[in-house]
Structure formats: structure tokens, C-alpha cells
Amino acid sequence: MKVLLRKFLGIVLLVSISPFALAQEAPLGPLTSFTEFTIKPGQSMQFREGIKAWKECYLKNGGEWTWRMWERQQGEGTVFVLASSMPNWAEMDKTDESGKDCQLLAINMINAHVEKAISHTTRLMPEISNNNPFDGKIIRVGFYRTNIENGYKMMETVKEVEEIRKNAGLSIDGYWYNWLTADPDSPSAHYVIGYENYAEMDIQRESVWQSVENAAGKEKRDELQSKFRSTLENSWSYIYRFDEEISHLGSN
């Protein structure tokens, strides 16, 4: 998250390093800072109006920072996720003067409707992700928390799976992210697949494991599937909808 949001929305980034971070020889992708806002019951409309007011103020003052706001579609309560990319950690040292005049808007019109806010930083893993820029209005996100015994094997397995699929002429559909900060309830990694709309989710596609079986045989599929599952402590998934009105992609 940019320094301005940490200042004006009262968010503090957690800095505990994931024990499952990739080795340094892996190509480094961009960072994504995100904040998950749990909204007080019945106050999501007020929260959105606060974000809109803050956005208007920020852009009026020449602000150039860009972000995407997503609303979670399932699970307990109303949850919004603000995500913003940055090329490296050095971006955290920069200040953004454009938001100073908007501080009171954040305090009075946003923070008052937030029950809880949790911030973290992740890094894209380009070697096992789609090479095209992300563009989707609906996303399905799978979260994976690895265990102590075999957690380090998870990305090994994913890389082997994608290598098999690549050799079979198949493309990588989504984007893998490694978590660089974590709390006791955080995942170790997550995987994002984007869709233009909900109707696109009805299209039946060959599963990853089926594609591995078709390319390398059932024995190899069973071996890799068992290895992957042995790395997990828990896994879960949610669908999120892009909220363009309270996002800023730099086009306006």
C-alpha cells in the first residue's frame, strides 16, 4: 500500500516474512500490496461513498497512484480488497503529497465504517504465471496455506505441472502470488484466474490435473497430485467482483 494509505487510512503493514518465500534465484515479479477491509454491518454504501469522495479529492490534487478495489462475493460479512502493484520495495520509501488535503475525508467518511483492516504484500511468480497483463472483472482466487513438513514442495510441484502442460502446448491460465508478509491466519500463496463476466465462468474447461494425465499419464498425475496435497495445511477460495467506480487505473 502506498504511504498515503498507511497515513490516511490508518493501516499498518505487517512485516513478518513467509517461511515459504521462493529462493532468490527465481525471477522476481512485481509486488502487490493489498488491504482487506471488513465493513461494519449495513455500512457498505457509506464506505463506498467515502472512497468515492476520497478518490475525487485525490485526483483533483493531481494524484497518480493507481489501485483496484474488489468486493468479495461469498463468505462472512462484507469485505472489500484494495490492491495496488509496485515494481519493488523502494516504492514504499516514496511519499505522495497529493493525498494530504484528503486526510479528513479518509478519517470521517471511510475509517468510520471499517470494522477491521488487514494489509499484506505479495509477489507475482512470473515463471509459473500467465505472461499477459491481467484484465478481468471477476476473479476466482484460490488460497493455499502450506504445512511445516512439506510446504517447500508446493511450488516445486506447481512448476513441474506447468512444465508438463507447457510441453503439451497448453498455456498458463492464471497468476501465482507468493506471500511476503503473513499473520497466523494467512495463506502462503494464492492463485488468481480472471473472467470478463460471470457467464464466462460457465464455460467448461479441462482441469489442470486432467491435462496432466492427458499429457503425462495417470501415474504421473497421481504422483504430482499426491505431492501437492501433502504440502497443504488448508486451502479455500472466493470470488471477487471488480468495483470500477471506487478504483483508479490511471485512465481518468
C-alpha atoms as a PDB file:
ATOM      1  CA  MET A   1       0.000   0.000   0.000  1.00  0.00           C
ATOM      2  CA  LYS A   2       1.274   3.449  -0.769  1.00  0.00           C
ATOM      3  CA  VAL A   3       2.464   5.553   2.114  1.00  0.00           C
ATOM      4  CA  LEU A   4      -0.577   7.789   1.712  1.00  0.00           C
ATOM      5  CA  LEU A   5      -2.990   4.973   2.572  1.00  0.00           C
ATOM      6  CA  ARG A   6      -0.940   3.911   5.552  1.00  0.00           C
ATOM      7  CA  LYS A   7      -1.063   7.524   6.749  1.00  0.00           C
ATOM      8  CA  PHE A   8      -4.594   8.484   5.856  1.00  0.00           C
ATOM      9  CA  LEU A   9      -6.498   5.270   6.375  1.00  0.00           C
ATOM     10  CA  GLY A  10      -4.567   4.304   9.489  1.00  0.00           C
ATOM     11  CA  ILE A  11      -3.265   0.990   8.100  1.00  0.00           C
ATOM     12  CA  VAL A  12      -0.046  -0.597   9.276  1.00  0.00           C
ATOM     13  CA  LEU A  13       1.671  -3.192   7.091  1.00  0.00           C
ATOM     14  CA  LEU A  14       2.717  -6.405   8.803  1.00  0.00           C
ATOM     15  CA  VAL A  15       6.321  -7.353   8.162  1.00  0.00           C
ATOM     16  CA  SER A  16       6.734 -10.982   9.183  1.00  0.00           C
ATOM     17  CA  ILE A  17       8.418 -12.872   6.338  1.00  0.00           C
ATOM     18  CA  SER A  18       6.836 -16.032   4.965  1.00  0.00           C
ATOM     19  CA  PRO A  19       8.970 -19.113   5.618  1.00  0.00           C
ATOM     20  CA  PHE A  20       7.872 -20.389   2.213  1.00  0.00           C
ATOM     21  CA  ALA A  21       9.294 -17.497   0.174  1.00  0.00           C
ATOM     22  CA  LEU A  22      10.863 -18.545  -3.118  1.00  0.00           C
ATOM     23  CA  ALA A  23      14.618 -18.837  -3.462  1.00  0.00           C
ATOM     24  CA  GLN A  24      16.361 -15.682  -4.652  1.00  0.00           C
ATOM     25  CA  GLU A  25      17.482 -17.236  -7.942  1.00  0.00           C
ATOM     26  CA  ALA A  26      13.848 -17.266  -9.162  1.00  0.00           C
ATOM     27  CA  PRO A  27      12.968 -14.308 -11.414  1.00  0.00           C
ATOM     28  CA  LEU A  28      11.379 -11.568  -9.370  1.00  0.00           C
ATOM     29  CA  GLY A  29       7.942 -10.337 -10.336  1.00  0.00           C
ATOM     30  CA  PRO A  30       6.280  -7.087  -9.216  1.00  0.00           C
ATOM     31  CA  LEU A  31       4.922  -6.683  -5.709  1.00  0.00           C
ATOM     32  CA  THR A  32       1.245  -6.274  -4.886  1.00  0.00           C
ATOM     33  CA  SER A  33       0.191  -4.519  -1.710  1.00  0.00           C
ATOM     34  CA  PHE A  34      -3.369  -5.149  -0.654  1.00  0.00           C
ATOM     35  CA  THR A  35      -5.673  -4.290   2.192  1.00  0.00           C
ATOM     36  CA  GLU A  36      -8.746  -6.320   3.123  1.00  0.00           C
ATOM     37  CA  PHE A  37     -11.479  -4.133   4.625  1.00  0.00           C
ATOM     38  CA  THR A  38     -14.211  -5.813   6.659  1.00  0.00           C
ATOM     39  CA  ILE A  39     -17.103  -3.352   6.662  1.00  0.00           C
ATOM     40  CA  LYS A  40     -19.398  -2.757   9.623  1.00  0.00           C
ATOM     41  CA  PRO A  41     -22.829  -4.381   9.105  1.00  0.00           C
ATOM     42  CA  GLY A  42     -25.129  -2.277   6.950  1.00  0.00           C
ATOM     43  CA  GLN A  43     -22.491   0.357   6.154  1.00  0.00           C
ATOM     44  CA  SER A  44     -21.085  -0.767   2.797  1.00  0.00           C
ATOM     45  CA  MET A  45     -22.869   2.058   0.946  1.00  0.00           C
ATOM     46  CA  GLN A  46     -21.349   4.652   3.271  1.00  0.00           C
ATOM     47  CA  PHE A  47     -17.926   3.065   2.835  1.00  0.00           C
ATOM     48  CA  ARG A  48     -18.188   3.240  -0.957  1.00  0.00           C
ATOM     49  CA  GLU A  49     -19.336   6.856  -0.815  1.00  0.00           C
ATOM     50  CA  GLY A  50     -16.332   7.640   1.371  1.00  0.00           C
ATOM     51  CA  ILE A  51     -13.927   6.008  -1.090  1.00  0.00           C
ATOM     52  CA  LYS A  52     -15.539   7.918  -3.975  1.00  0.00           C
ATOM     53  CA  ALA A  53     -15.163  11.213  -2.126  1.00  0.00           C
ATOM     54  CA  TRP A  54     -11.533  10.463  -1.261  1.00  0.00           C
ATOM     55  CA  LYS A  55     -10.800   9.416  -4.861  1.00  0.00           C
ATOM     56  CA  GLU A  56     -12.330  12.641  -6.215  1.00  0.00           C
ATOM     57  CA  CYS A  57     -10.240  14.702  -3.804  1.00  0.00           C
ATOM     58  CA  TYR A  58      -7.059  12.754  -4.567  1.00  0.00           C
ATOM     59  CA  LEU A  59      -7.394  13.044  -8.350  1.00  0.00           C
ATOM     60  CA  LYS A  60      -8.324  16.727  -8.078  1.00  0.00           C
ATOM     61  CA  ASN A  61      -4.998  17.228  -6.324  1.00  0.00           C
ATOM     62  CA  GLY A  62      -3.130  15.559  -9.165  1.00  0.00           C
ATOM     63  CA  GLY A  63      -2.721  12.128  -7.620  1.00  0.00           C
ATOM     64  CA  GLU A  64      -1.251   9.494  -9.953  1.00  0.00           C
ATOM     65  CA  TRP A  65      -1.335   6.374  -7.781  1.00  0.00           C
ATOM     66  CA  THR A  66      -3.490   3.569  -9.217  1.00  0.00           C
ATOM     67  CA  TRP A  67      -5.416   0.812  -7.465  1.00  0.00           C
ATOM     68  CA  ARG A  68      -8.147  -1.783  -7.941  1.00  0.00           C
ATOM     69  CA  MET A  69     -10.970  -2.326  -5.469  1.00  0.00           C
ATOM     70  CA  TRP A  70     -12.652  -5.731  -5.343  1.00  0.00           C
ATOM     71  CA  GLU A  71     -15.738  -6.822  -3.418  1.00  0.00           C
ATOM     72  CA  ARG A  72     -15.787 -10.377  -2.116  1.00  0.00           C
ATOM     73  CA  GLN A  73     -18.918 -12.228  -3.209  1.00  0.00           C
ATOM     74  CA  GLN A  74     -19.026 -15.017  -0.609  1.00  0.00           C
ATOM     75  CA  GLY A  75     -18.116 -15.622   2.995  1.00  0.00           C
ATOM     76  CA  GLU A  76     -18.980 -13.896   6.237  1.00  0.00           C
ATOM     77  CA  GLY A  77     -19.755 -10.196   6.219  1.00  0.00           C
ATOM     78  CA  THR A  78     -18.985  -7.567   3.575  1.00  0.00           C
ATOM     79  CA  VAL A  79     -15.352  -7.463   2.514  1.00  0.00           C
ATOM     80  CA  PHE A  80     -13.577  -5.175   0.050  1.00  0.00           C
ATOM     81  CA  VAL A  81      -9.985  -5.687  -1.077  1.00  0.00           C
ATOM     82  CA  LEU A  82      -7.840  -2.819  -2.309  1.00  0.00           C
ATOM     83  CA  ALA A  83      -4.870  -3.973  -4.402  1.00  0.00           C
ATOM     84  CA  SER A  84      -2.029  -1.953  -5.905  1.00  0.00           C
ATOM     85  CA  SER A  85       1.101  -3.064  -7.749  1.00  0.00           C
ATOM     86  CA  MET A  86       4.601  -1.684  -7.322  1.00  0.00           C
ATOM     87  CA  PRO A  87       7.861  -2.718  -9.024  1.00  0.00           C
ATOM     88  CA  ASN A  88       9.933  -3.072  -5.860  1.00  0.00           C
ATOM     89  CA  TRP A  89      10.157  -2.334  -2.129  1.00  0.00           C
ATOM     90  CA  ALA A  90      11.784   1.049  -2.819  1.00  0.00           C
ATOM     91  CA  GLU A  91       8.332   2.365  -3.767  1.00  0.00           C
ATOM     92  CA  MET A  92       7.486   2.243  -0.054  1.00  0.00           C
ATOM     93  CA  ASP A  93      10.068   4.988   0.577  1.00  0.00           C
ATOM     94  CA  LYS A  94       8.283   7.471  -1.663  1.00  0.00           C
ATOM     95  CA  THR A  95       5.767   9.993  -0.388  1.00  0.00           C
ATOM     96  CA  ASP A  96       2.610  11.149  -2.139  1.00  0.00           C
ATOM     97  CA  GLU A  97       1.714  14.745  -1.333  1.00  0.00           C
ATOM     98  CA  SER A  98      -1.477  14.593  -3.407  1.00  0.00           C
ATOM     99  CA  GLY A  99      -3.476  12.972  -0.622  1.00  0.00           C
ATOM    100  CA  LYS A 100      -2.636  15.336   2.226  1.00  0.00           C
ATOM    101  CA  ASP A 101      -5.666  17.550   1.728  1.00  0.00           C
ATOM    102  CA  CYS A 102      -7.901  14.474   1.712  1.00  0.00           C
ATOM    103  CA  GLN A 103      -6.920  13.210   5.166  1.00  0.00           C
ATOM    104  CA  LEU A 104     -10.102  14.270   6.937  1.00  0.00           C
ATOM    105  CA  LEU A 105     -12.234  12.607   4.266  1.00  0.00           C
ATOM    106  CA  ALA A 106     -10.489   9.329   4.968  1.00  0.00           C
ATOM    107  CA  ILE A 107     -10.906   9.653   8.714  1.00  0.00           C
ATOM    108  CA  ASN A 108     -14.544  10.755   8.682  1.00  0.00           C
ATOM    109  CA  MET A 109     -16.005   9.030   5.620  1.00  0.00           C
ATOM    110  CA  ILE A 110     -14.004   5.793   5.328  1.00  0.00           C
ATOM    111  CA  ASN A 111     -12.458   4.705   8.609  1.00  0.00           C
ATOM    112  CA  ALA A 112     -15.725   5.189  10.499  1.00  0.00           C
ATOM    113  CA  HIS A 113     -17.337   2.369   8.504  1.00  0.00           C
ATOM    114  CA  VAL A 114     -14.464  -0.125   8.693  1.00  0.00           C
ATOM    115  CA  GLU A 115     -14.673  -2.855  11.302  1.00  0.00           C
ATOM    116  CA  LYS A 116     -11.244  -4.307  10.539  1.00  0.00           C
ATOM    117  CA  ALA A 117      -8.441  -3.737   8.022  1.00  0.00           C
ATOM    118  CA  ILE A 118      -5.605  -6.165   7.341  1.00  0.00           C
ATOM    119  CA  SER A 119      -2.720  -5.345   4.971  1.00  0.00           C
ATOM    120  CA  HIS A 120      -0.151  -7.625   3.342  1.00  0.00           C
ATOM    121  CA  THR A 121       2.345  -7.734   0.494  1.00  0.00           C
ATOM    122  CA  THR A 122       2.659 -10.459  -2.135  1.00  0.00           C
ATOM    123  CA  ARG A 123       4.907 -11.019  -5.156  1.00  0.00           C
ATOM    124  CA  LEU A 124       3.906 -12.330  -8.574  1.00  0.00           C
ATOM    125  CA  MET A 125       5.727 -15.516  -9.610  1.00  0.00           C
ATOM    126  CA  PRO A 126       6.208 -14.899 -13.358  1.00  0.00           C
ATOM    127  CA  GLU A 127       7.790 -18.257 -14.186  1.00  0.00           C
ATOM    128  CA  ILE A 128       4.528 -20.077 -13.373  1.00  0.00           C
ATOM    129  CA  SER A 129       2.036 -17.322 -14.273  1.00  0.00           C
ATOM    130  CA  ASN A 130       0.310 -16.048 -17.389  1.00  0.00           C
ATOM    131  CA  ASN A 131       2.582 -13.614 -19.254  1.00  0.00           C
ATOM    132  CA  ASN A 132      -0.243 -11.334 -20.388  1.00  0.00           C
ATOM    133  CA  PRO A 133      -1.308  -8.272 -18.362  1.00  0.00           C
ATOM    134  CA  PHE A 134      -4.235  -9.060 -16.090  1.00  0.00           C
ATOM    135  CA  ASP A 135      -7.628  -7.929 -17.339  1.00  0.00           C
ATOM    136  CA  GLY A 136     -10.779  -9.260 -15.713  1.00  0.00           C
ATOM    137  CA  LYS A 137     -13.919  -8.012 -13.993  1.00  0.00           C
ATOM    138  CA  ILE A 138     -14.471 -11.211 -11.993  1.00  0.00           C
ATOM    139  CA  ILE A 139     -11.716 -13.204 -10.324  1.00  0.00           C
ATOM    140  CA  ARG A 140     -11.632 -16.578  -8.634  1.00  0.00           C
ATOM    141  CA  VAL A 141      -8.881 -16.724  -6.027  1.00  0.00           C
ATOM    142  CA  GLY A 142      -7.594 -19.958  -4.535  1.00  0.00           C
ATOM    143  CA  PHE A 143      -5.674 -19.606  -1.266  1.00  0.00           C
ATOM    144  CA  TYR A 144      -3.164 -22.201  -0.051  1.00  0.00           C
ATOM    145  CA  ARG A 145      -1.649 -22.477   3.408  1.00  0.00           C
ATOM    146  CA  THR A 146       1.255 -24.905   3.415  1.00  0.00           C
ATOM    147  CA  ASN A 147       2.345 -27.103   6.296  1.00  0.00           C
ATOM    148  CA  ILE A 148       5.722 -27.167   8.020  1.00  0.00           C
ATOM    149  CA  GLU A 149       6.704 -30.659   6.872  1.00  0.00           C
ATOM    150  CA  ASN A 150       6.197 -30.442   3.115  1.00  0.00           C
ATOM    151  CA  GLY A 151       5.327 -26.827   2.381  1.00  0.00           C
ATOM    152  CA  TYR A 152       8.526 -26.191   0.451  1.00  0.00           C
ATOM    153  CA  LYS A 153       7.453 -28.804  -2.118  1.00  0.00           C
ATOM    154  CA  MET A 154       4.339 -26.930  -3.233  1.00  0.00           C
ATOM    155  CA  MET A 155       5.962 -24.613  -5.773  1.00  0.00           C
ATOM    156  CA  GLU A 156       8.252 -27.416  -6.924  1.00  0.00           C
ATOM    157  CA  THR A 157       5.116 -29.356  -7.805  1.00  0.00           C
ATOM    158  CA  VAL A 158       3.404 -26.407  -9.477  1.00  0.00           C
ATOM    159  CA  LYS A 159       6.492 -25.784 -11.625  1.00  0.00           C
ATOM    160  CA  GLU A 160       6.598 -29.419 -12.692  1.00  0.00           C
ATOM    161  CA  VAL A 161       2.893 -29.391 -13.517  1.00  0.00           C
ATOM    162  CA  GLU A 162       3.213 -26.256 -15.634  1.00  0.00           C
ATOM    163  CA  GLU A 163       6.274 -27.631 -17.418  1.00  0.00           C
ATOM    164  CA  ILE A 164       4.281 -30.724 -18.420  1.00  0.00           C
ATOM    165  CA  ARG A 165       1.402 -28.576 -19.626  1.00  0.00           C
ATOM    166  CA  LYS A 166       3.755 -26.221 -21.485  1.00  0.00           C
ATOM    167  CA  ASN A 167       5.388 -29.150 -23.308  1.00  0.00           C
ATOM    168  CA  ALA A 168       1.890 -30.279 -24.290  1.00  0.00           C
ATOM    169  CA  GLY A 169       1.244 -26.892 -25.893  1.00  0.00           C
ATOM    170  CA  LEU A 170      -1.058 -25.630 -23.132  1.00  0.00           C
ATOM    171  CA  SER A 171      -0.969 -22.091 -21.775  1.00  0.00           C
ATOM    172  CA  ILE A 172      -0.946 -20.955 -18.159  1.00  0.00           C
ATOM    173  CA  ASP A 173      -4.374 -19.547 -17.354  1.00  0.00           C
ATOM    174  CA  GLY A 174      -3.794 -17.646 -14.120  1.00  0.00           C
ATOM    175  CA  TYR A 175      -1.353 -15.896 -11.827  1.00  0.00           C
ATOM    176  CA  TRP A 176       0.511 -17.271  -8.802  1.00  0.00           C
ATOM    177  CA  TYR A 177       1.470 -14.975  -5.907  1.00  0.00           C
ATOM    178  CA  ASN A 178       3.840 -15.717  -3.041  1.00  0.00           C
ATOM    179  CA  TRP A 179       3.021 -14.052   0.287  1.00  0.00           C
ATOM    180  CA  LEU A 180       5.924 -11.991   1.646  1.00  0.00           C
ATOM    181  CA  THR A 181       4.146 -10.977   4.849  1.00  0.00           C
ATOM    182  CA  ALA A 182       1.896 -13.139   6.956  1.00  0.00           C
ATOM    183  CA  ASP A 183      -0.089 -13.439  10.147  1.00  0.00           C
ATOM    184  CA  PRO A 184      -1.179 -16.718  11.781  1.00  0.00           C
ATOM    185  CA  ASP A 185      -4.247 -16.995   9.537  1.00  0.00           C
ATOM    186  CA  SER A 186      -2.588 -16.046   6.239  1.00  0.00           C
ATOM    187  CA  PRO A 187      -2.052 -18.335   3.270  1.00  0.00           C
ATOM    188  CA  SER A 188       1.407 -18.994   1.880  1.00  0.00           C
ATOM    189  CA  ALA A 189       0.347 -18.400  -1.725  1.00  0.00           C
ATOM    190  CA  HIS A 190      -2.687 -17.696  -3.842  1.00  0.00           C
ATOM    191  CA  TYR A 191      -3.714 -18.266  -7.458  1.00  0.00           C
ATOM    192  CA  VAL A 192      -5.897 -15.876  -9.483  1.00  0.00           C
ATOM    193  CA  ILE A 193      -7.963 -16.625 -12.588  1.00  0.00           C
ATOM    194  CA  GLY A 194      -9.785 -13.740 -14.251  1.00  0.00           C
ATOM    195  CA  TYR A 195     -13.083 -13.676 -16.145  1.00  0.00           C
ATOM    196  CA  GLU A 196     -14.762 -10.936 -18.166  1.00  0.00           C
ATOM    197  CA  ASN A 197     -18.142 -11.729 -16.563  1.00  0.00           C
ATOM    198  CA  TYR A 198     -19.979 -14.443 -14.638  1.00  0.00           C
ATOM    199  CA  ALA A 199     -21.223 -16.074 -17.850  1.00  0.00           C
ATOM    200  CA  GLU A 200     -17.620 -16.870 -18.791  1.00  0.00           C
ATOM    201  CA  MET A 201     -17.389 -18.975 -15.647  1.00  0.00           C
ATOM    202  CA  ASP A 202     -19.996 -21.353 -17.118  1.00  0.00           C
ATOM    203  CA  ILE A 203     -17.592 -22.418 -19.871  1.00  0.00           C
ATOM    204  CA  GLN A 204     -16.358 -25.920 -19.108  1.00  0.00           C
ATOM    205  CA  ARG A 205     -12.573 -26.216 -19.309  1.00  0.00           C
ATOM    206  CA  GLU A 206     -10.267 -29.146 -18.864  1.00  0.00           C
ATOM    207  CA  SER A 207      -8.971 -29.271 -15.299  1.00  0.00           C
ATOM    208  CA  VAL A 208      -5.274 -28.891 -14.582  1.00  0.00           C
ATOM    209  CA  TRP A 209      -5.000 -32.437 -13.277  1.00  0.00           C
ATOM    210  CA  GLN A 210      -6.846 -33.871 -16.263  1.00  0.00           C
ATOM    211  CA  SER A 211      -4.489 -32.036 -18.602  1.00  0.00           C
ATOM    212  CA  VAL A 212      -1.502 -33.520 -16.743  1.00  0.00           C
ATOM    213  CA  GLU A 213      -2.994 -37.001 -17.075  1.00  0.00           C
ATOM    214  CA  ASN A 214      -3.630 -36.492 -20.791  1.00  0.00           C
ATOM    215  CA  ALA A 215      -0.067 -35.284 -21.345  1.00  0.00           C
ATOM    216  CA  ALA A 216       1.949 -37.495 -18.977  1.00  0.00           C
ATOM    217  CA  GLY A 217      -0.305 -40.373 -17.957  1.00  0.00           C
ATOM    218  CA  LYS A 218      -2.381 -41.260 -14.903  1.00  0.00           C
ATOM    219  CA  GLU A 219       0.587 -42.456 -12.841  1.00  0.00           C
ATOM    220  CA  LYS A 220       2.318 -39.084 -13.162  1.00  0.00           C
ATOM    221  CA  ARG A 221      -0.918 -37.242 -12.421  1.00  0.00           C
ATOM    222  CA  ASP A 222      -1.478 -39.267  -9.242  1.00  0.00           C
ATOM    223  CA  GLU A 223       2.125 -38.721  -8.159  1.00  0.00           C
ATOM    224  CA  LEU A 224       2.006 -34.939  -8.577  1.00  0.00           C
ATOM    225  CA  GLN A 225      -1.499 -34.587  -7.158  1.00  0.00           C
ATOM    226  CA  SER A 226      -0.500 -36.534  -4.033  1.00  0.00           C
ATOM    227  CA  LYS A 227       2.673 -34.486  -3.664  1.00  0.00           C
ATOM    228  CA  PHE A 228       0.739 -31.220  -3.974  1.00  0.00           C
ATOM    229  CA  ARG A 229      -1.886 -32.253  -1.429  1.00  0.00           C
ATOM    230  CA  SER A 230       0.819 -33.369   1.020  1.00  0.00           C
ATOM    231  CA  THR A 231       2.090 -29.779   1.183  1.00  0.00           C
ATOM    232  CA  LEU A 232      -1.204 -28.263   2.343  1.00  0.00           C
ATOM    233  CA  GLU A 233      -2.429 -27.433   5.799  1.00  0.00           C
ATOM    234  CA  ASN A 234      -5.556 -25.809   4.373  1.00  0.00           C
ATOM    235  CA  SER A 235      -6.996 -24.315   1.189  1.00  0.00           C
ATOM    236  CA  TRP A 236     -10.043 -22.189   0.360  1.00  0.00           C
ATOM    237  CA  SER A 237     -11.369 -19.944  -2.407  1.00  0.00           C
ATOM    238  CA  TYR A 238     -13.516 -16.860  -3.006  1.00  0.00           C
ATOM    239  CA  ILE A 239     -14.899 -14.959  -5.974  1.00  0.00           C
ATOM    240  CA  TYR A 240     -14.380 -11.196  -6.164  1.00  0.00           C
ATOM    241  CA  ARG A 241     -16.074  -8.585  -8.359  1.00  0.00           C
ATOM    242  CA  PHE A 242     -14.178  -5.545  -9.645  1.00  0.00           C
ATOM    243  CA  ASP A 243     -15.685  -2.242  -8.470  1.00  0.00           C
ATOM    244  CA  GLU A 244     -14.608   0.244 -11.130  1.00  0.00           C
ATOM    245  CA  GLU A 245     -16.314   3.235  -9.514  1.00  0.00           C
ATOM    246  CA  ILE A 246     -14.046   3.148  -6.465  1.00  0.00           C
ATOM    247  CA  SER A 247     -10.925   2.039  -8.325  1.00  0.00           C
ATOM    248  CA  HIS A 248      -8.399   4.086 -10.298  1.00  0.00           C
ATOM    249  CA  LEU A 249      -6.485   2.539 -13.193  1.00  0.00           C
ATOM    250  CA  GLY A 250      -4.877   5.748 -14.398  1.00  0.00           C
ATOM    251  CA  SER A 251      -7.191   6.417 -17.316  1.00  0.00           C
ATOM    252  CA  ASN A 252      -9.107   9.308 -15.781  1.00  0.00           C
END
